[in-house]
Structure formats: structure tokens, C-alpha cells
């Protein structure tokens, strides 16, 4: 594919360290060279549903994601054109009125639990990564994050984990490991893996620079 950008997909379970891996990978590059895109920005807008219906949705199922719009946006960015990424409001499960404007970058990093799920997205990717972290550590991170950042109650986080997050991880997230070029244990602390990825990016970049 003759694109002007490298696309790196980072998948892995909730709380596995995907975000820290993404930030470690891009640290060495200049601001204009790298953009990190969160898969979470592409949750479907549930504004047409009542709040009660929204709260009953399974947000860990691939059906919750707007992969079609994400594919369009990534294809547009890789052609060298800017896009407007949705801003998602987790408290209401709807898209905000404002957008995040993203210009084309040499390196695009897409990260989220189901980043490697969609076959069309995988075809766009130059490097596919899966971050693997023990379940108990991932749960503790998820619990802490949802209570502190998303103002959830402890019991609601535990219930959601047991009834949707854990079974969806086993059904949808764990199997996409098969598509990864590299499986990274220990997340952002795995300096060897991060160095390997940076080296790989640098080897591809000269052929992609506009």
C-alpha cells in the first residue's frame, strides 16, 4: 500500500498497559510526526436511547464500536488529509458536539481493547501489537481508573467486570492475539519490546516521509 503514514495497532485487555506502551513508543519522535488515536473515541453514539437503555449496553462487545467511521478516518489520514475525531462522553454514552481535529502524521498509533478485531482495520496496519498482562493486575487497574476518573462506584465496576468485561475479554479480546505481529508482556515496563518497535518504525519511516 502506498500510504504516507505508518499505522500501528495496539490491542490488549482493559488495564493491560496499552496507553503506556503507546506513549513510550512515540516519546522519541517529534510532536508533528506521531498521533495517538483512542479506539474509545469511536463508541457508537447512543443519544437515541433512554439513559436506562444506554446503561444496559455491553460496551466490551465489538458491536459497540463504530469501526466503519474509524476505517474511513484512518484511510483519510493515511492519504494525507485531516479528519475530525469524535469526542465521546462516558458519563452519558453519547458523542459531544465538539470534535478533535487531527492532521496527517508520519506515524499513527491506534490503541484500544478491540483494535485488532476488524479485518479492514488490520489491512491498514503496518505493525500489530498485543499487550498481555495478568488478569488480576488488569482488574485492579480498571477498578482504580473507573472509580477515580469515571466516578463509578466500586460495586458497579465489580459487577460490570464480572458480567461483561471478563466474558467479553475471553470471547473477543483474547482471540485477537493471533493477529498480532508481537505480543508484549508487562506493558510499558517492557523496554526491550519498546526499543524493538521504535527501531522497526525508524526503518519504515524513511520510505513513508512525504
N, C-alpha and C. Protein backbone atom coordinates (compact mmCIF):
# COMPACT_ATOMS: atom_id res chain seq x y z
N UNK A 1 0.84 -1.19 0.00
CA UNK A 1 0.00 0.00 0.00
C UNK A 1 0.88 1.24 0.00
N UNK A 2 0.57 2.16 -0.87
CA UNK A 2 1.40 3.35 -0.97
C UNK A 2 0.80 4.49 -0.13
N UNK A 3 0.95 4.37 1.18
CA UNK A 3 0.44 5.40 2.07
C UNK A 3 1.60 6.24 2.59
N UNK A 4 1.26 7.44 3.06
CA UNK A 4 2.31 8.33 3.57
C UNK A 4 2.47 8.19 5.08
N UNK A 5 1.67 7.34 5.72
CA UNK A 5 1.75 7.16 7.17
C UNK A 5 1.98 5.69 7.52
N UNK A 6 2.60 5.48 8.68
CA UNK A 6 2.66 4.14 9.27
C UNK A 6 1.50 4.06 10.26
N UNK A 7 0.76 2.95 10.24
CA UNK A 7 -0.30 2.75 11.22
C UNK A 7 0.09 1.59 12.13
N UNK A 8 0.11 1.87 13.45
CA UNK A 8 0.42 0.84 14.44
C UNK A 8 -0.83 0.59 15.27
N UNK A 9 -1.26 -0.68 15.34
CA UNK A 9 -2.42 -1.04 16.15
C UNK A 9 -1.96 -1.68 17.45
N UNK A 10 -2.48 -1.19 18.58
CA UNK A 10 -2.14 -1.77 19.89
C UNK A 10 -3.43 -2.24 20.56
N UNK A 11 -3.55 -3.57 20.74
CA UNK A 11 -4.72 -4.15 21.41
C UNK A 11 -4.28 -4.77 22.72
N UNK A 12 -5.25 -5.26 23.50
CA UNK A 12 -4.97 -5.89 24.79
C UNK A 12 -6.13 -5.63 25.72
N UNK A 13 -6.23 -6.40 26.77
CA UNK A 13 -7.35 -6.28 27.70
C UNK A 13 -7.39 -4.95 28.43
N UNK A 14 -8.51 -4.70 29.07
CA UNK A 14 -8.66 -3.48 29.87
C UNK A 14 -7.57 -3.44 30.95
N UNK A 15 -6.89 -2.29 31.09
CA UNK A 15 -5.86 -2.15 32.12
C UNK A 15 -4.58 -2.91 31.85
N UNK A 16 -4.35 -3.31 30.59
CA UNK A 16 -3.15 -4.11 30.29
C UNK A 16 -1.90 -3.25 30.12
N UNK A 17 -2.08 -1.95 29.88
CA UNK A 17 -0.93 -1.06 29.69
C UNK A 17 -0.78 -0.60 28.26
N UNK A 18 -1.86 -0.65 27.48
CA UNK A 18 -1.82 -0.23 26.07
C UNK A 18 -1.42 1.24 25.93
N UNK A 19 -2.03 2.08 26.77
CA UNK A 19 -1.78 3.52 26.68
C UNK A 19 -0.33 3.83 27.02
N UNK A 20 0.21 3.18 28.06
CA UNK A 20 1.61 3.46 28.43
C UNK A 20 2.56 2.98 27.33
N UNK A 21 2.24 1.85 26.70
CA UNK A 21 3.05 1.38 25.56
C UNK A 21 3.02 2.41 24.44
N UNK A 22 1.81 2.90 24.11
CA UNK A 22 1.66 3.89 23.04
C UNK A 22 2.51 5.11 23.31
N UNK A 23 2.47 5.61 24.56
CA UNK A 23 3.22 6.83 24.90
C UNK A 23 4.73 6.58 24.92
N UNK A 24 5.13 5.39 25.35
CA UNK A 24 6.56 5.05 25.35
C UNK A 24 7.10 4.97 23.92
N UNK A 25 6.32 4.37 23.04
CA UNK A 25 6.75 4.20 21.64
C UNK A 25 6.98 5.57 20.98
N UNK A 26 6.06 6.51 21.23
CA UNK A 26 6.11 7.77 20.49
C UNK A 26 6.99 8.84 21.14
N UNK A 27 7.49 8.54 22.35
CA UNK A 27 8.25 9.54 23.11
C UNK A 27 9.42 10.15 22.32
N UNK A 28 10.12 9.32 21.57
CA UNK A 28 11.33 9.77 20.87
C UNK A 28 11.04 10.62 19.64
N UNK A 29 9.82 10.55 19.15
CA UNK A 29 9.51 11.24 17.90
C UNK A 29 8.99 12.65 18.19
N UNK A 30 9.13 13.54 17.21
CA UNK A 30 8.66 14.91 17.41
C UNK A 30 7.13 14.95 17.33
N UNK A 31 6.56 16.01 17.89
CA UNK A 31 5.10 16.12 18.01
C UNK A 31 4.40 15.98 16.66
N UNK A 32 4.93 16.61 15.65
CA UNK A 32 4.29 16.56 14.33
C UNK A 32 4.36 15.22 13.63
N UNK A 33 5.22 14.34 14.16
CA UNK A 33 5.40 13.05 13.49
C UNK A 33 4.42 11.98 13.93
N UNK A 34 3.92 12.07 15.16
CA UNK A 34 3.12 10.98 15.73
C UNK A 34 1.79 11.47 16.28
N UNK A 35 0.72 10.72 15.99
CA UNK A 35 -0.59 10.98 16.61
C UNK A 35 -1.10 9.68 17.22
N UNK A 36 -1.58 9.75 18.48
CA UNK A 36 -2.18 8.58 19.14
C UNK A 36 -3.69 8.74 19.10
N UNK A 37 -4.37 7.74 18.56
CA UNK A 37 -5.84 7.76 18.44
C UNK A 37 -6.41 6.68 19.34
N UNK A 38 -7.39 7.04 20.16
CA UNK A 38 -8.02 6.09 21.07
C UNK A 38 -9.21 5.43 20.38
N UNK A 39 -9.25 4.11 20.41
CA UNK A 39 -10.42 3.40 19.87
C UNK A 39 -11.69 3.83 20.61
N UNK A 40 -11.57 4.15 21.91
CA UNK A 40 -12.72 4.57 22.72
C UNK A 40 -13.45 5.78 22.15
N UNK A 41 -12.76 6.60 21.35
CA UNK A 41 -13.40 7.76 20.73
C UNK A 41 -14.49 7.33 19.75
N UNK A 42 -14.42 6.07 19.32
CA UNK A 42 -15.32 5.59 18.27
C UNK A 42 -16.42 4.67 18.79
N UNK A 43 -16.79 4.84 20.06
CA UNK A 43 -18.01 4.18 20.53
C UNK A 43 -19.18 4.77 19.77
N UNK A 44 -20.16 3.93 19.47
CA UNK A 44 -21.36 4.43 18.77
C UNK A 44 -22.11 5.42 19.66
N UNK A 45 -22.70 6.42 19.03
CA UNK A 45 -23.47 7.43 19.76
C UNK A 45 -24.83 6.83 20.14
N UNK A 46 -25.13 6.84 21.44
CA UNK A 46 -26.39 6.24 21.92
C UNK A 46 -27.42 7.30 22.30
N UNK A 47 -27.30 8.48 21.70
CA UNK A 47 -28.20 9.59 22.04
C UNK A 47 -29.67 9.25 21.79
N UNK A 48 -29.93 8.33 20.87
CA UNK A 48 -31.32 7.97 20.54
C UNK A 48 -31.97 7.06 21.59
N UNK A 49 -31.18 6.59 22.56
CA UNK A 49 -31.72 5.68 23.59
C UNK A 49 -31.97 6.43 24.89
N UNK A 50 -32.82 5.84 25.75
CA UNK A 50 -33.01 6.40 27.10
C UNK A 50 -31.76 6.08 27.92
N UNK A 51 -31.56 6.82 29.01
CA UNK A 51 -30.38 6.60 29.85
C UNK A 51 -30.36 5.17 30.40
N UNK A 52 -31.53 4.67 30.72
CA UNK A 52 -31.65 3.31 31.24
C UNK A 52 -31.17 2.29 30.19
N UNK A 53 -31.59 2.51 28.94
CA UNK A 53 -31.18 1.60 27.85
C UNK A 53 -29.67 1.69 27.61
N UNK A 54 -29.16 2.92 27.67
CA UNK A 54 -27.71 3.11 27.45
C UNK A 54 -26.89 2.34 28.48
N UNK A 55 -27.34 2.43 29.74
CA UNK A 55 -26.60 1.76 30.83
C UNK A 55 -26.62 0.25 30.72
N UNK A 56 -27.58 -0.28 29.96
CA UNK A 56 -27.68 -1.72 29.81
C UNK A 56 -26.86 -2.25 28.64
N UNK A 57 -26.25 -1.35 27.86
CA UNK A 57 -25.48 -1.78 26.69
C UNK A 57 -24.17 -2.46 27.11
N UNK A 58 -23.71 -3.35 26.26
CA UNK A 58 -22.44 -4.04 26.50
C UNK A 58 -21.33 -3.31 25.75
N UNK A 59 -20.53 -2.54 26.49
CA UNK A 59 -19.52 -1.69 25.86
C UNK A 59 -18.21 -2.43 25.57
N UNK A 60 -18.18 -3.72 25.88
CA UNK A 60 -16.98 -4.51 25.60
C UNK A 60 -17.20 -5.45 24.42
N UNK A 61 -18.32 -5.28 23.73
CA UNK A 61 -18.64 -6.10 22.55
C UNK A 61 -18.26 -5.31 21.30
N UNK A 62 -17.74 -5.99 20.27
CA UNK A 62 -17.36 -5.28 19.04
C UNK A 62 -18.50 -4.45 18.43
N UNK A 63 -19.75 -4.86 18.67
CA UNK A 63 -20.90 -4.13 18.12
C UNK A 63 -21.02 -2.71 18.69
N UNK A 64 -20.37 -2.48 19.83
CA UNK A 64 -20.45 -1.14 20.46
C UNK A 64 -19.59 -0.12 19.72
N UNK A 65 -18.68 -0.60 18.86
CA UNK A 65 -17.72 0.28 18.19
C UNK A 65 -18.17 0.66 16.78
N UNK A 66 -17.88 1.89 16.40
CA UNK A 66 -18.18 2.36 15.04
C UNK A 66 -16.94 2.14 14.16
N UNK A 67 -16.70 0.87 13.82
CA UNK A 67 -15.50 0.53 13.03
C UNK A 67 -15.54 1.13 11.62
N UNK A 68 -16.74 1.30 11.10
CA UNK A 68 -16.89 1.86 9.75
C UNK A 68 -16.34 3.28 9.69
N UNK A 69 -16.77 4.12 10.64
CA UNK A 69 -16.29 5.51 10.69
C UNK A 69 -14.79 5.55 10.95
N UNK A 70 -14.31 4.69 11.85
CA UNK A 70 -12.87 4.64 12.17
C UNK A 70 -12.06 4.28 10.93
N UNK A 71 -12.52 3.31 10.16
CA UNK A 71 -11.82 2.90 8.93
C UNK A 71 -11.76 4.07 7.94
N UNK A 72 -12.88 4.77 7.82
CA UNK A 72 -12.92 5.94 6.92
C UNK A 72 -11.90 6.99 7.36
N UNK A 73 -11.87 7.27 8.65
CA UNK A 73 -10.97 8.31 9.17
C UNK A 73 -9.51 7.92 9.01
N UNK A 74 -9.17 6.67 9.32
CA UNK A 74 -7.77 6.23 9.18
C UNK A 74 -7.34 6.24 7.72
N UNK A 75 -8.22 5.79 6.84
CA UNK A 75 -7.90 5.80 5.40
C UNK A 75 -7.65 7.22 4.92
N UNK A 76 -8.48 8.16 5.40
CA UNK A 76 -8.34 9.57 5.03
C UNK A 76 -7.02 10.14 5.53
N UNK A 77 -6.69 9.85 6.80
CA UNK A 77 -5.42 10.33 7.37
C UNK A 77 -4.22 9.76 6.60
N UNK A 78 -4.32 8.50 6.22
CA UNK A 78 -3.20 7.85 5.54
C UNK A 78 -3.04 8.33 4.11
N UNK A 79 -4.07 8.96 3.59
CA UNK A 79 -3.98 9.59 2.26
C UNK A 79 -3.42 11.00 2.36
N UNK A 80 -3.23 11.46 3.60
CA UNK A 80 -2.67 12.80 3.78
C UNK A 80 -3.69 13.90 3.99
N UNK A 81 -4.91 13.53 4.41
CA UNK A 81 -5.95 14.53 4.65
C UNK A 81 -6.36 14.50 6.13
N UNK A 82 -6.80 15.66 6.65
CA UNK A 82 -7.17 15.79 8.06
C UNK A 82 -8.56 15.20 8.32
N UNK A 83 -8.83 14.85 9.58
CA UNK A 83 -10.16 14.33 9.97
C UNK A 83 -10.61 14.97 11.28
N UNK A 84 -11.92 14.83 11.56
CA UNK A 84 -12.48 15.30 12.83
C UNK A 84 -12.90 14.07 13.64
N UNK A 85 -12.14 13.78 14.71
CA UNK A 85 -12.39 12.60 15.53
C UNK A 85 -13.47 12.92 16.57
N UNK A 86 -14.44 12.02 16.76
CA UNK A 86 -15.49 12.29 17.74
C UNK A 86 -14.92 12.38 19.16
N UNK A 87 -15.54 13.20 20.01
CA UNK A 87 -15.21 13.24 21.43
C UNK A 87 -16.35 12.53 22.17
N UNK A 88 -16.03 11.46 22.86
CA UNK A 88 -17.06 10.63 23.49
C UNK A 88 -17.21 10.96 24.96
N UNK A 89 -18.46 11.07 25.40
CA UNK A 89 -18.75 11.36 26.81
C UNK A 89 -19.16 10.06 27.51
N UNK A 90 -18.28 9.54 28.36
CA UNK A 90 -18.53 8.25 29.01
C UNK A 90 -19.65 8.32 30.05
N UNK A 91 -19.92 9.50 30.56
CA UNK A 91 -20.97 9.61 31.60
C UNK A 91 -22.36 9.51 30.98
N UNK A 92 -22.50 9.92 29.71
CA UNK A 92 -23.82 9.88 29.05
C UNK A 92 -23.87 8.87 27.90
N UNK A 93 -22.71 8.28 27.54
CA UNK A 93 -22.61 7.35 26.40
C UNK A 93 -23.06 8.00 25.08
N UNK A 94 -22.70 9.25 24.92
CA UNK A 94 -23.04 9.97 23.68
C UNK A 94 -21.81 10.73 23.18
N UNK A 95 -21.87 11.15 21.92
CA UNK A 95 -20.79 11.98 21.37
C UNK A 95 -21.06 13.45 21.69
N UNK A 96 -20.00 14.14 22.06
CA UNK A 96 -20.12 15.57 22.33
C UNK A 96 -20.24 16.33 21.01
N UNK A 97 -20.62 17.60 21.12
CA UNK A 97 -20.76 18.42 19.90
C UNK A 97 -19.40 18.74 19.29
N UNK A 98 -18.38 18.88 20.16
CA UNK A 98 -17.05 19.24 19.64
C UNK A 98 -16.32 18.01 19.10
N UNK A 99 -15.34 18.27 18.25
CA UNK A 99 -14.51 17.22 17.66
C UNK A 99 -13.05 17.50 17.96
N UNK A 100 -12.22 16.48 17.76
CA UNK A 100 -10.77 16.67 17.86
C UNK A 100 -10.21 16.66 16.43
N UNK A 101 -9.62 17.76 16.03
CA UNK A 101 -9.07 17.85 14.67
C UNK A 101 -7.70 17.19 14.63
N UNK A 102 -7.53 16.22 13.77
CA UNK A 102 -6.24 15.53 13.63
C UNK A 102 -5.73 15.70 12.21
N UNK A 103 -4.52 16.23 12.12
CA UNK A 103 -3.87 16.37 10.80
C UNK A 103 -3.11 15.09 10.49
N UNK A 104 -2.73 14.88 9.23
CA UNK A 104 -1.93 13.70 8.89
C UNK A 104 -0.59 13.72 9.63
N UNK A 105 -0.13 12.56 10.07
CA UNK A 105 1.16 12.39 10.75
C UNK A 105 1.91 11.25 10.09
N UNK A 106 3.21 11.23 10.26
CA UNK A 106 4.00 10.13 9.70
C UNK A 106 3.67 8.81 10.40
N UNK A 107 3.42 8.88 11.72
CA UNK A 107 3.11 7.67 12.49
C UNK A 107 1.76 7.86 13.18
N UNK A 108 0.84 6.92 12.94
CA UNK A 108 -0.45 6.91 13.62
C UNK A 108 -0.50 5.69 14.53
N UNK A 109 -0.85 5.91 15.79
CA UNK A 109 -0.96 4.80 16.74
C UNK A 109 -2.42 4.70 17.16
N UNK A 110 -3.02 3.54 16.89
CA UNK A 110 -4.41 3.30 17.30
C UNK A 110 -4.39 2.32 18.46
N UNK A 111 -4.99 2.72 19.60
CA UNK A 111 -4.97 1.79 20.73
C UNK A 111 -6.35 1.63 21.37
N UNK A 112 -6.65 0.37 21.75
CA UNK A 112 -7.93 0.05 22.36
C UNK A 112 -8.07 -1.46 22.49
N UNK A 113 -9.02 -1.92 23.30
CA UNK A 113 -9.09 -3.35 23.56
C UNK A 113 -9.35 -4.17 22.29
N UNK A 114 -10.12 -3.61 21.36
CA UNK A 114 -10.52 -4.37 20.16
C UNK A 114 -9.87 -3.83 18.89
N UNK A 115 -8.72 -3.20 19.04
CA UNK A 115 -8.05 -2.58 17.89
C UNK A 115 -7.78 -3.57 16.75
N UNK A 116 -7.50 -4.82 17.09
CA UNK A 116 -7.17 -5.81 16.04
C UNK A 116 -8.38 -6.65 15.63
N UNK A 117 -9.58 -6.27 16.09
CA UNK A 117 -10.77 -7.08 15.82
C UNK A 117 -11.21 -7.00 14.36
N UNK A 118 -11.25 -5.78 13.81
CA UNK A 118 -11.85 -5.55 12.50
C UNK A 118 -10.84 -5.84 11.37
N UNK A 119 -11.22 -6.73 10.47
CA UNK A 119 -10.31 -7.17 9.39
C UNK A 119 -9.89 -6.01 8.49
N UNK A 120 -10.81 -5.08 8.22
CA UNK A 120 -10.48 -3.93 7.34
C UNK A 120 -9.42 -3.04 7.99
N UNK A 121 -9.53 -2.87 9.31
CA UNK A 121 -8.52 -2.07 10.03
C UNK A 121 -7.16 -2.76 10.00
N UNK A 122 -7.18 -4.08 10.21
CA UNK A 122 -5.90 -4.82 10.22
C UNK A 122 -5.16 -4.67 8.90
N UNK A 123 -5.91 -4.60 7.81
CA UNK A 123 -5.27 -4.46 6.49
C UNK A 123 -4.53 -3.13 6.35
N UNK A 124 -4.98 -2.13 7.09
CA UNK A 124 -4.33 -0.81 7.02
C UNK A 124 -3.05 -0.75 7.85
N UNK A 125 -2.90 -1.70 8.78
CA UNK A 125 -1.82 -1.60 9.79
C UNK A 125 -0.48 -2.13 9.28
N UNK A 126 0.59 -1.41 9.63
CA UNK A 126 1.95 -1.85 9.32
C UNK A 126 2.50 -2.72 10.45
N UNK A 127 2.11 -2.40 11.68
CA UNK A 127 2.58 -3.14 12.86
C UNK A 127 1.38 -3.41 13.77
N UNK A 128 1.21 -4.67 14.18
CA UNK A 128 0.08 -5.04 15.05
C UNK A 128 0.63 -5.60 16.37
N UNK A 129 0.25 -4.97 17.48
CA UNK A 129 0.78 -5.35 18.79
C UNK A 129 -0.35 -5.78 19.72
N UNK A 130 -0.03 -6.72 20.62
CA UNK A 130 -0.99 -7.12 21.66
C UNK A 130 -0.26 -7.08 22.99
N UNK A 131 -0.83 -6.32 23.95
CA UNK A 131 -0.21 -6.19 25.27
C UNK A 131 -0.87 -7.19 26.22
N UNK A 132 -0.05 -8.04 26.82
CA UNK A 132 -0.57 -9.11 27.68
C UNK A 132 -0.15 -8.88 29.13
N UNK A 133 -1.15 -8.78 30.01
CA UNK A 133 -0.90 -8.53 31.43
C UNK A 133 -1.82 -9.44 32.24
N UNK A 134 -1.35 -10.00 33.38
CA UNK A 134 -2.20 -10.90 34.17
C UNK A 134 -3.55 -10.27 34.54
N UNK A 135 -4.58 -11.14 34.58
CA UNK A 135 -5.96 -10.67 34.81
C UNK A 135 -6.12 -9.89 36.11
N UNK A 136 -5.48 -10.35 37.19
CA UNK A 136 -5.69 -9.67 38.48
C UNK A 136 -5.13 -8.24 38.45
N UNK A 137 -4.00 -8.06 37.79
CA UNK A 137 -3.41 -6.71 37.70
C UNK A 137 -4.31 -5.81 36.85
N UNK A 138 -4.82 -6.36 35.75
CA UNK A 138 -5.70 -5.59 34.88
C UNK A 138 -6.97 -5.15 35.62
N UNK A 139 -7.53 -6.07 36.42
CA UNK A 139 -8.75 -5.74 37.15
C UNK A 139 -8.51 -4.62 38.17
N UNK A 140 -7.40 -4.71 38.91
CA UNK A 140 -7.08 -3.68 39.91
C UNK A 140 -6.93 -2.31 39.23
N UNK A 141 -6.25 -2.29 38.07
CA UNK A 141 -6.08 -1.02 37.34
C UNK A 141 -7.43 -0.47 36.88
N UNK A 142 -8.27 -1.37 36.38
CA UNK A 142 -9.60 -0.96 35.88
C UNK A 142 -10.43 -0.39 37.04
N UNK A 143 -10.41 -1.07 38.17
CA UNK A 143 -11.17 -0.63 39.35
C UNK A 143 -10.74 0.76 39.78
N UNK A 144 -9.43 0.95 39.89
CA UNK A 144 -8.88 2.24 40.31
C UNK A 144 -9.25 3.34 39.32
N UNK A 145 -9.06 3.06 38.02
CA UNK A 145 -9.33 4.06 36.98
C UNK A 145 -10.80 4.47 36.95
N UNK A 146 -11.71 3.49 36.97
CA UNK A 146 -13.13 3.80 36.84
C UNK A 146 -13.68 4.55 38.05
N UNK A 147 -13.14 4.27 39.23
CA UNK A 147 -13.58 4.98 40.43
C UNK A 147 -13.04 6.42 40.41
N UNK A 148 -11.76 6.57 40.07
CA UNK A 148 -11.12 7.90 40.12
C UNK A 148 -11.49 8.78 38.94
N UNK A 149 -11.42 8.21 37.72
CA UNK A 149 -11.58 9.04 36.52
C UNK A 149 -13.02 9.07 36.01
N UNK A 150 -13.74 7.99 36.20
CA UNK A 150 -15.10 7.93 35.62
C UNK A 150 -16.20 7.97 36.68
N UNK A 151 -15.79 8.21 37.93
CA UNK A 151 -16.73 8.43 39.04
C UNK A 151 -17.74 7.28 39.22
N UNK A 152 -17.27 6.06 39.00
CA UNK A 152 -18.15 4.90 39.19
C UNK A 152 -18.04 4.41 40.63
N UNK A 153 -19.06 3.66 41.10
CA UNK A 153 -18.97 3.07 42.43
C UNK A 153 -18.19 1.77 42.32
N UNK A 154 -17.60 1.36 43.45
CA UNK A 154 -16.79 0.14 43.46
C UNK A 154 -17.62 -1.07 43.02
N UNK A 155 -18.86 -1.17 43.55
CA UNK A 155 -19.70 -2.32 43.23
C UNK A 155 -20.08 -2.35 41.76
N UNK A 156 -20.36 -1.18 41.17
CA UNK A 156 -20.75 -1.14 39.75
C UNK A 156 -19.60 -1.59 38.85
N UNK A 157 -18.37 -1.24 39.24
CA UNK A 157 -17.19 -1.65 38.46
C UNK A 157 -17.00 -3.17 38.58
N UNK A 158 -17.16 -3.70 39.79
CA UNK A 158 -17.02 -5.16 40.01
C UNK A 158 -18.08 -5.91 39.21
N UNK A 159 -19.33 -5.44 39.29
CA UNK A 159 -20.42 -6.10 38.56
C UNK A 159 -20.16 -6.09 37.05
N UNK A 160 -19.76 -4.91 36.55
CA UNK A 160 -19.51 -4.79 35.11
C UNK A 160 -18.37 -5.73 34.68
N UNK A 161 -17.36 -5.81 35.53
CA UNK A 161 -16.22 -6.68 35.20
C UNK A 161 -16.66 -8.14 35.13
N UNK A 162 -17.42 -8.58 36.11
CA UNK A 162 -17.82 -9.99 36.17
C UNK A 162 -18.81 -10.37 35.07
N UNK A 163 -19.76 -9.46 34.77
CA UNK A 163 -20.84 -9.82 33.85
C UNK A 163 -20.55 -9.49 32.39
N UNK A 164 -19.72 -8.48 32.13
CA UNK A 164 -19.44 -8.16 30.72
C UNK A 164 -17.95 -8.13 30.39
N UNK A 165 -17.15 -7.40 31.17
CA UNK A 165 -15.74 -7.21 30.80
C UNK A 165 -15.00 -8.55 30.70
N UNK A 166 -15.13 -9.37 31.73
CA UNK A 166 -14.38 -10.64 31.75
C UNK A 166 -14.84 -11.61 30.66
N UNK A 167 -16.16 -11.89 30.54
CA UNK A 167 -16.58 -12.79 29.46
C UNK A 167 -16.27 -12.25 28.06
N UNK A 168 -16.39 -10.93 27.87
CA UNK A 168 -16.09 -10.34 26.55
C UNK A 168 -14.60 -10.43 26.25
N UNK A 169 -13.78 -10.30 27.31
CA UNK A 169 -12.33 -10.44 27.11
C UNK A 169 -12.02 -11.84 26.59
N UNK A 170 -12.63 -12.83 27.22
CA UNK A 170 -12.37 -14.22 26.81
C UNK A 170 -12.90 -14.51 25.41
N UNK A 171 -14.04 -13.90 25.08
CA UNK A 171 -14.67 -14.20 23.79
C UNK A 171 -14.07 -13.41 22.63
N UNK A 172 -13.73 -12.13 22.86
CA UNK A 172 -13.33 -11.26 21.74
C UNK A 172 -11.89 -10.73 21.80
N UNK A 173 -11.40 -10.42 23.00
CA UNK A 173 -10.08 -9.79 23.10
C UNK A 173 -8.96 -10.83 23.03
N UNK A 174 -9.06 -11.86 23.85
CA UNK A 174 -8.02 -12.89 23.88
C UNK A 174 -7.75 -13.51 22.50
N UNK A 175 -8.80 -13.85 21.71
CA UNK A 175 -8.55 -14.48 20.41
C UNK A 175 -7.80 -13.59 19.40
N UNK A 176 -7.88 -12.25 19.52
CA UNK A 176 -7.23 -11.41 18.51
C UNK A 176 -5.71 -11.35 18.68
N UNK A 177 -5.21 -11.99 19.75
CA UNK A 177 -3.76 -12.16 19.90
C UNK A 177 -3.15 -12.80 18.65
N UNK A 178 -3.92 -13.67 18.02
CA UNK A 178 -3.45 -14.41 16.84
C UNK A 178 -3.04 -13.49 15.70
N UNK A 179 -3.63 -12.30 15.66
CA UNK A 179 -3.34 -11.36 14.56
C UNK A 179 -2.12 -10.49 14.83
N UNK A 180 -1.61 -10.53 16.06
CA UNK A 180 -0.51 -9.63 16.44
C UNK A 180 0.82 -10.07 15.84
N UNK A 181 1.61 -9.09 15.41
CA UNK A 181 2.99 -9.38 14.97
C UNK A 181 3.88 -9.60 16.19
N UNK A 182 3.50 -8.97 17.30
CA UNK A 182 4.31 -9.05 18.51
C UNK A 182 3.39 -9.01 19.73
N UNK A 183 3.58 -9.95 20.66
CA UNK A 183 2.84 -9.95 21.92
C UNK A 183 3.78 -9.43 23.01
N UNK A 184 3.33 -8.40 23.71
CA UNK A 184 4.21 -7.72 24.67
C UNK A 184 3.73 -7.97 26.10
N UNK A 185 4.47 -8.77 26.88
CA UNK A 185 4.13 -8.90 28.30
C UNK A 185 4.59 -7.66 29.06
N UNK A 186 3.91 -7.36 30.14
CA UNK A 186 4.32 -6.31 31.09
C UNK A 186 4.10 -4.87 30.62
N UNK A 187 3.41 -4.69 29.53
CA UNK A 187 3.05 -3.33 29.11
C UNK A 187 4.23 -2.38 28.97
N UNK A 188 4.04 -1.14 29.47
CA UNK A 188 5.04 -0.07 29.29
C UNK A 188 6.37 -0.32 29.96
N UNK A 189 6.45 -1.34 30.84
CA UNK A 189 7.72 -1.63 31.51
C UNK A 189 8.63 -2.51 30.67
N UNK A 190 8.12 -3.02 29.55
CA UNK A 190 8.90 -3.91 28.70
C UNK A 190 9.76 -3.08 27.74
N UNK A 191 10.92 -2.65 28.24
CA UNK A 191 11.76 -1.73 27.46
C UNK A 191 12.35 -2.38 26.22
N UNK A 192 12.61 -3.69 26.28
CA UNK A 192 13.18 -4.38 25.11
C UNK A 192 12.20 -4.35 23.95
N UNK A 193 10.93 -4.68 24.23
CA UNK A 193 9.91 -4.67 23.19
C UNK A 193 9.73 -3.26 22.63
N UNK A 194 9.72 -2.26 23.50
CA UNK A 194 9.52 -0.88 23.05
C UNK A 194 10.67 -0.44 22.14
N UNK A 195 11.90 -0.80 22.52
CA UNK A 195 13.06 -0.47 21.68
C UNK A 195 12.98 -1.15 20.31
N UNK A 196 12.53 -2.41 20.30
CA UNK A 196 12.37 -3.14 19.03
C UNK A 196 11.36 -2.44 18.13
N UNK A 197 10.24 -2.01 18.72
CA UNK A 197 9.19 -1.36 17.94
C UNK A 197 9.68 -0.02 17.38
N UNK A 198 10.36 0.75 18.24
CA UNK A 198 10.90 2.04 17.78
C UNK A 198 11.86 1.85 16.60
N UNK A 199 12.72 0.82 16.72
CA UNK A 199 13.67 0.53 15.64
C UNK A 199 12.94 0.18 14.35
N UNK A 200 11.89 -0.61 14.47
CA UNK A 200 11.08 -1.00 13.32
C UNK A 200 10.43 0.22 12.67
N UNK A 201 9.88 1.11 13.50
CA UNK A 201 9.25 2.33 12.98
C UNK A 201 10.28 3.16 12.21
N UNK A 202 11.47 3.30 12.80
CA UNK A 202 12.51 4.11 12.15
C UNK A 202 12.94 3.51 10.81
N UNK A 203 12.88 2.16 10.72
CA UNK A 203 13.28 1.53 9.46
C UNK A 203 12.22 1.73 8.37
N UNK A 204 10.95 1.88 8.78
CA UNK A 204 9.87 2.08 7.79
C UNK A 204 9.75 3.56 7.42
N UNK A 205 9.98 4.45 8.40
CA UNK A 205 9.72 5.87 8.21
C UNK A 205 10.34 6.52 6.97
N UNK A 206 11.62 6.28 6.69
CA UNK A 206 12.21 6.97 5.54
C UNK A 206 11.46 6.73 4.24
N UNK A 207 10.86 5.57 4.08
CA UNK A 207 10.14 5.26 2.84
C UNK A 207 8.75 5.90 2.84
N UNK A 208 8.30 6.37 4.01
CA UNK A 208 6.95 6.92 4.10
C UNK A 208 6.92 8.45 4.17
N UNK A 209 8.03 9.05 4.50
CA UNK A 209 8.03 10.51 4.69
C UNK A 209 7.62 11.22 3.40
N UNK A 210 6.78 12.21 3.57
CA UNK A 210 6.26 12.93 2.39
C UNK A 210 7.32 13.92 1.88
